[in-house]
Amino acid sequence: MTMAQTAATNTSEFAGFLKPAEAEAYFTQAARQSVVQSLVRRVPLGINGQDIPVVTSKPTASWVAEAGQKPTTSGALGLKSISPKKIAAITVVSAEVVRANPGNYVSMFRDQIAEAFAIAFDAATLHGTSTPFGAGNFVGATTKAVELGTATAANGGTYADLNGALKLLVDDKKKLTGWAFDDTAEPLLNAAVDLNGRPLFVDAVYEESALSGGRLLRRPAFYSEGVANATTIGFAGDWSQAVWGAVGGISYDVSTEATVTINGELTSLWEHNLVAIRAEAEYGWLVNDPASFVKLTEGAV
């Protein structure tokens, strides 16, 4: 990175490349790159959050005789709160790089921030990593787990293991609506077949995207980097039991004069001819029932 500069650098030089209308594009890309946001419903979210009604018991019906008394029944609702939490990142580059190709820098910044936000969001909502959303409010809080690679080929192999995850859910009166896997699980699933020798993972869409997807046991499935944590390489479950929201798009500030912490040290942007862009967004997240999910762990495959 060259530090020499012969002309003053003003924030106004970059204003034409950072238009408010572009913020929504950043946010959309972040949503596409997050495997959790691809599987979970998005709900409207204001700056003060909102309460979400949750069914705690359902009404029942009974058969009655002609002119007989109709039974009385009732259902019950509870409320759970979802509130926005802030996520932020700062990117720094030399003023020379920005002046040489400011449009490309903004594009690069958009991609980097989208990826950084997606990684942090998925880590918090899947594993509870540095989560601001509260204890137990993440998918990996489930106590259900299946180790892939435990069933022998004669007993169904990977197919039997994945079907075992389905069985854990249905035996507990839960549903399986989708799968989320780390990229490292793709070779395992590519080689997996059902009891009739047909590929398990079908209709895969391979494109230049942060996510590739298809169907597994007739449910949507996605691969994404960062889903793995320790021995966990994926999740299965009822993704309707979770919701996420966001307050607007990404906001940002541009500075050539602030002091920024770089590699643990405070650095003057002005003294080093650097340009910094700070991006911030607010996300909300709520898991209604962690027991609606199963961890998929890595075995001796």
Protein backbone atom coordinates (compact mmCIF):
# COMPACT_ATOMS: atom_id res chain seq x y z
CA MET A 1 0.00 0.00 0.00
CA THR A 2 1.62 3.29 -1.14
CA MET A 3 1.42 6.12 1.38
CA ALA A 4 2.83 8.99 -0.74
CA GLN A 5 0.32 11.67 -1.71
CA THR A 6 0.80 14.96 -3.53
CA ALA A 7 -2.73 16.37 -3.32
CA ALA A 8 -5.23 16.78 -0.54
CA THR A 9 -8.02 14.19 -0.36
CA ASN A 10 -11.51 15.42 0.47
CA THR A 11 -14.50 13.33 1.50
CA SER A 12 -16.52 15.21 -1.12
CA GLU A 13 -14.46 13.54 -3.86
CA PHE A 14 -16.19 10.24 -3.11
CA ALA A 15 -19.70 11.52 -2.47
CA GLY A 16 -20.86 10.77 -6.01
CA PHE A 17 -20.02 7.11 -5.57
CA LEU A 18 -21.85 6.68 -2.25
CA LYS A 19 -25.48 7.45 -2.93
CA PRO A 20 -28.21 6.64 -0.40
CA ALA A 21 -30.05 4.58 -3.02
CA GLU A 22 -27.13 2.14 -3.10
CA ALA A 23 -27.60 1.15 0.54
CA GLU A 24 -30.50 -1.15 -0.27
CA ALA A 25 -28.36 -3.09 -2.71
CA TYR A 26 -25.88 -3.76 0.07
CA PHE A 27 -28.62 -5.06 2.30
CA THR A 28 -30.10 -7.29 -0.38
CA GLN A 29 -26.76 -8.90 -1.03
CA ALA A 30 -26.27 -9.55 2.67
CA ALA A 31 -29.61 -11.39 2.72
CA ARG A 32 -28.63 -13.57 -0.25
CA GLN A 33 -25.36 -14.59 1.35
CA SER A 34 -26.82 -15.60 4.72
CA VAL A 35 -28.00 -19.20 4.78
CA VAL A 36 -30.20 -18.44 7.80
CA GLN A 37 -31.90 -15.51 6.09
CA SER A 38 -32.50 -17.73 3.05
CA LEU A 39 -34.40 -20.30 5.13
CA VAL A 40 -36.14 -18.12 7.73
CA ARG A 41 -39.05 -15.73 7.24
CA ARG A 42 -38.37 -12.03 7.41
CA VAL A 43 -40.78 -9.93 9.46
CA PRO A 44 -41.23 -6.14 9.56
CA LEU A 45 -39.14 -4.64 12.34
CA GLY A 46 -39.18 -1.10 13.69
CA ILE A 47 -36.55 0.63 15.77
CA ASN A 48 -38.40 -0.33 18.96
CA GLY A 49 -38.85 -3.96 17.94
CA GLN A 50 -42.17 -5.76 18.09
CA ASP A 51 -44.09 -8.46 19.92
CA ILE A 52 -44.90 -11.63 17.98
CA PRO A 53 -47.93 -13.75 18.96
CA VAL A 54 -47.06 -17.40 19.59
CA VAL A 55 -49.62 -20.20 19.78
CA THR A 56 -49.22 -22.03 23.09
CA SER A 57 -52.27 -24.30 22.73
CA LYS A 58 -54.73 -25.02 19.94
CA PRO A 59 -58.51 -25.39 19.99
CA THR A 60 -59.95 -28.88 19.55
CA ALA A 61 -63.15 -30.14 17.92
CA SER A 62 -65.50 -33.01 18.86
CA TRP A 63 -68.27 -34.85 17.08
CA VAL A 64 -71.78 -34.14 18.39
CA ALA A 65 -75.20 -35.65 17.88
CA GLU A 66 -77.93 -33.87 15.96
CA ALA A 67 -79.21 -31.02 18.14
CA GLY A 68 -76.63 -31.96 20.77
CA GLN A 69 -74.70 -29.48 22.83
CA LYS A 70 -71.63 -28.14 21.07
CA PRO A 71 -68.39 -28.52 23.02
CA THR A 72 -66.52 -25.44 24.21
CA THR A 73 -62.87 -25.17 23.40
CA SER A 74 -60.21 -22.50 23.43
CA GLY A 75 -56.73 -21.78 22.18
CA ALA A 76 -54.05 -19.72 23.84
CA LEU A 77 -51.57 -17.18 22.56
CA GLY A 78 -48.42 -15.81 24.12
CA LEU A 79 -46.15 -12.95 23.10
CA LYS A 80 -42.43 -13.05 22.39
CA SER A 81 -40.37 -9.96 21.67
CA ILE A 82 -37.91 -9.37 18.87
CA SER A 83 -35.73 -6.28 19.06
CA PRO A 84 -33.08 -4.90 16.70
CA LYS A 85 -29.38 -5.18 17.50
CA LYS A 86 -26.67 -3.23 15.71
CA ILE A 87 -23.94 -4.77 13.58
CA ALA A 88 -21.11 -2.66 12.19
CA ALA A 89 -17.86 -2.79 10.23
CA ILE A 90 -15.22 -0.34 9.08
CA THR A 91 -13.16 -0.78 5.94
CA VAL A 92 -9.99 1.25 5.33
CA VAL A 93 -7.99 1.74 2.13
CA SER A 94 -5.43 4.20 0.85
CA ALA A 95 -6.70 7.39 -0.75
CA GLU A 96 -4.64 6.60 -3.85
CA VAL A 97 -6.56 3.36 -4.41
CA VAL A 98 -9.90 5.13 -4.06
CA ARG A 99 -8.91 7.97 -6.40
CA ALA A 100 -7.65 5.52 -9.01
CA ASN A 101 -10.89 3.54 -9.19
CA PRO A 102 -13.53 4.78 -6.72
CA GLY A 103 -16.38 2.90 -8.39
CA ASN A 104 -14.60 -0.43 -8.09
CA TYR A 105 -13.69 0.31 -4.48
CA VAL A 106 -17.32 0.87 -3.57
CA SER A 107 -18.25 -2.39 -5.30
CA MET A 108 -15.52 -4.25 -3.42
CA PHE A 109 -16.62 -2.65 -0.17
CA ARG A 110 -20.21 -3.72 -0.78
CA ASP A 111 -19.18 -7.34 -1.28
CA GLN A 112 -16.93 -7.37 1.77
CA ILE A 113 -19.52 -5.81 4.07
CA ALA A 114 -22.27 -8.12 2.78
CA GLU A 115 -20.09 -11.13 3.52
CA ALA A 116 -18.98 -9.84 6.92
CA PHE A 117 -22.55 -9.13 8.01
CA ALA A 118 -23.77 -12.53 6.77
CA ILE A 119 -20.99 -14.42 8.55
CA ALA A 120 -21.62 -12.61 11.83
CA PHE A 121 -25.40 -13.05 11.54
CA ASP A 122 -25.20 -16.78 10.80
CA ALA A 123 -22.65 -17.40 13.56
CA ALA A 124 -24.88 -15.67 16.12
CA THR A 125 -28.16 -17.25 15.02
CA LEU A 126 -26.84 -20.78 14.41
CA HIS A 127 -24.23 -21.17 17.14
CA GLY A 128 -24.79 -18.29 19.54
CA THR A 129 -21.33 -16.91 18.72
CA SER A 130 -21.01 -13.39 20.18
CA THR A 131 -24.79 -13.22 19.98
CA PRO A 132 -26.57 -10.03 21.05
CA PHE A 133 -29.95 -11.78 20.87
CA GLY A 134 -29.99 -13.42 24.30
CA ALA A 135 -29.05 -16.75 25.85
CA GLY A 136 -30.58 -19.79 24.17
CA ASN A 137 -31.91 -17.72 21.27
CA PHE A 138 -30.09 -19.63 18.53
CA VAL A 139 -30.68 -22.76 16.45
CA GLY A 140 -27.79 -24.71 17.98
CA ALA A 141 -29.42 -24.49 21.43
CA THR A 142 -31.34 -27.65 20.49
CA THR A 143 -30.49 -30.85 22.36
CA LYS A 144 -31.22 -33.01 19.31
CA ALA A 145 -28.22 -34.25 17.33
CA VAL A 146 -27.37 -36.85 14.69
CA GLU A 147 -23.84 -37.89 13.78
CA LEU A 148 -23.39 -38.40 10.06
CA GLY A 149 -21.37 -41.45 9.10
CA THR A 150 -22.60 -43.74 11.86
CA ALA A 151 -24.84 -45.95 9.69
CA THR A 152 -23.06 -48.53 7.57
CA ALA A 153 -23.62 -48.72 3.82
CA ALA A 154 -25.61 -51.93 4.32
CA ASN A 155 -27.93 -50.09 6.71
CA GLY A 156 -28.48 -47.07 4.48
CA GLY A 157 -25.34 -45.00 5.10
CA THR A 158 -25.78 -41.24 4.98
CA TYR A 159 -29.40 -41.68 3.89
CA ALA A 160 -30.16 -43.52 7.14
CA ASP A 161 -28.41 -40.84 9.19
CA LEU A 162 -30.35 -38.00 7.55
CA ASN A 163 -33.59 -39.94 7.85
CA GLY A 164 -32.69 -40.37 11.53
CA ALA A 165 -32.72 -36.58 11.87
CA LEU A 166 -36.19 -36.52 10.33
CA LYS A 167 -37.31 -39.22 12.74
CA LEU A 168 -36.08 -37.26 15.76
CA LEU A 169 -38.25 -34.35 14.69
CA VAL A 170 -41.44 -36.21 13.75
CA ASP A 171 -41.28 -38.35 16.89
CA ASP A 172 -41.33 -35.07 18.82
CA LYS A 173 -44.26 -33.78 16.72
CA LYS A 174 -41.95 -31.36 14.88
CA LYS A 175 -41.46 -30.72 11.16
CA LEU A 176 -38.50 -30.70 8.81
CA THR A 177 -38.82 -27.83 6.33
CA GLY A 178 -35.21 -27.38 5.25
CA TRP A 179 -31.49 -28.05 5.70
CA ALA A 180 -28.45 -25.81 6.19
CA PHE A 181 -25.00 -27.31 5.58
CA ASP A 182 -21.47 -26.06 5.67
CA ASP A 183 -19.57 -26.18 2.37
CA THR A 184 -17.44 -28.98 3.80
CA ALA A 185 -20.48 -31.28 3.80
CA GLU A 186 -21.00 -31.01 0.03
CA PRO A 187 -18.64 -33.88 -0.99
CA LEU A 188 -20.36 -36.17 1.53
CA LEU A 189 -23.83 -35.39 0.22
CA ASN A 190 -22.77 -35.52 -3.44
CA ALA A 191 -21.76 -39.16 -2.92
CA ALA A 192 -24.84 -40.09 -0.86
CA VAL A 193 -27.66 -42.18 -2.36
CA ASP A 194 -30.98 -43.49 -1.13
CA LEU A 195 -31.91 -47.14 -0.72
CA ASN A 196 -32.60 -47.37 -4.46
CA GLY A 197 -29.24 -45.91 -5.46
CA ARG A 198 -30.61 -42.48 -6.42
CA PRO A 199 -28.68 -39.32 -5.45
CA LEU A 200 -29.91 -37.73 -2.24
CA PHE A 201 -29.03 -34.17 -3.15
CA VAL A 202 -30.86 -33.24 -6.36
CA ASP A 203 -31.73 -30.20 -8.46
CA ALA A 204 -28.62 -28.41 -7.26
CA VAL A 205 -28.13 -24.90 -8.59
CA TYR A 206 -24.45 -24.14 -9.13
CA GLU A 207 -23.83 -20.46 -9.79
CA GLU A 208 -21.44 -17.73 -8.79
CA SER A 209 -23.15 -17.00 -5.51
CA ALA A 210 -22.34 -17.28 -1.84
CA LEU A 211 -25.00 -20.00 -1.61
CA SER A 212 -25.64 -23.10 -3.69
CA GLY A 213 -28.79 -25.05 -3.11
CA GLY A 214 -30.99 -27.94 -4.10
CA ARG A 215 -33.30 -30.43 -2.43
CA LEU A 216 -32.57 -33.15 0.10
CA LEU A 217 -35.28 -35.63 1.10
CA ARG A 218 -37.68 -33.36 -0.81
CA ARG A 219 -36.80 -30.32 1.34
CA PRO A 220 -34.80 -27.23 0.30
CA ALA A 221 -31.15 -27.39 1.29
CA PHE A 222 -28.35 -24.82 1.18
CA TYR A 223 -24.59 -24.90 1.45
CA SER A 224 -22.75 -21.95 2.93
CA GLU A 225 -19.33 -21.24 4.34
CA GLY A 226 -19.35 -20.72 8.08
CA VAL A 227 -22.19 -23.06 9.05
CA ALA A 228 -19.73 -25.46 10.69
CA ASN A 229 -18.69 -25.00 14.31
CA ALA A 230 -16.60 -27.58 16.16
CA THR A 231 -18.12 -30.95 15.10
CA THR A 232 -21.39 -29.45 13.81
CA ILE A 233 -21.56 -29.28 9.99
CA GLY A 234 -25.26 -28.59 9.47
CA PHE A 235 -28.78 -28.23 10.80
CA ALA A 236 -32.18 -29.65 9.92
CA GLY A 237 -35.51 -28.48 11.23
CA ASP A 238 -38.61 -26.35 11.02
CA TRP A 239 -37.33 -22.96 9.96
CA SER A 240 -40.80 -21.46 10.38
CA GLN A 241 -40.04 -21.58 14.11
CA ALA A 242 -37.65 -18.66 13.69
CA VAL A 243 -37.98 -15.14 12.28
CA TRP A 244 -35.60 -12.32 11.47
CA GLY A 245 -36.03 -8.65 10.64
CA ALA A 246 -34.04 -5.56 9.82
CA VAL A 247 -34.51 -1.85 10.39
CA GLY A 248 -34.09 -0.23 6.99
CA GLY A 249 -30.89 -0.77 5.05
CA ILE A 250 -27.26 -0.14 5.74
CA SER A 251 -26.16 3.31 6.85
CA TYR A 252 -22.62 4.50 6.30
CA ASP A 253 -20.18 7.32 6.96
CA VAL A 254 -17.06 8.30 5.02
CA SER A 255 -14.03 9.89 6.70
CA THR A 256 -10.48 10.86 5.81
CA GLU A 257 -9.77 12.56 9.13
CA ALA A 258 -10.99 10.24 11.90
CA THR A 259 -8.80 7.99 14.03
CA VAL A 260 -9.42 4.28 13.46
CA THR A 261 -8.15 1.22 15.32
CA ILE A 262 -6.07 -0.85 12.87
CA ASN A 263 -4.34 -4.02 14.08
CA GLY A 264 -4.99 -2.95 17.65
CA GLU A 265 -3.49 0.52 17.30
CA LEU A 266 -5.16 3.89 16.85
CA THR A 267 -4.27 5.24 13.40
CA SER A 268 -4.90 8.73 12.05
CA LEU A 269 -6.50 8.54 8.62
CA TRP A 270 -5.33 12.05 7.79
CA GLU A 271 -1.71 11.35 8.68
CA HIS A 272 -1.60 8.17 6.59
CA ASN A 273 -3.72 9.31 3.61
CA LEU A 274 -6.39 6.71 4.28
CA VAL A 275 -10.11 6.63 3.55
CA ALA A 276 -12.48 4.77 5.89
CA ILE A 277 -16.10 3.82 5.34
CA ARG A 278 -18.16 2.74 8.33
CA ALA A 279 -21.24 0.58 7.69
CA GLU A 280 -23.98 -0.18 10.21
CA ALA A 281 -27.23 -2.14 10.13
CA GLU A 282 -29.77 -3.35 12.70
CA TYR A 283 -31.02 -6.94 12.71
CA GLY A 284 -33.54 -8.73 14.90
CA TRP A 285 -33.77 -12.49 15.50
CA LEU A 286 -36.05 -14.85 17.42
CA VAL A 287 -36.20 -18.64 17.75
CA ASN A 288 -39.55 -19.71 19.10
CA ASP A 289 -38.61 -23.36 19.68
CA PRO A 290 -34.97 -24.58 19.47
CA ALA A 291 -36.29 -28.14 19.91
CA SER A 292 -37.62 -27.86 16.34
CA PHE A 293 -34.05 -28.29 15.05
CA VAL A 294 -31.45 -31.06 14.89
CA LYS A 295 -27.68 -30.60 14.83
CA LEU A 296 -25.88 -32.63 12.17
CA THR A 297 -22.39 -33.50 13.34
CA GLU A 298 -19.40 -34.92 11.52
CA GLY A 299 -18.64 -38.59 12.03
CA ALA A 300 -16.08 -41.02 10.67
CA VAL A 301 -17.18 -41.01 7.03
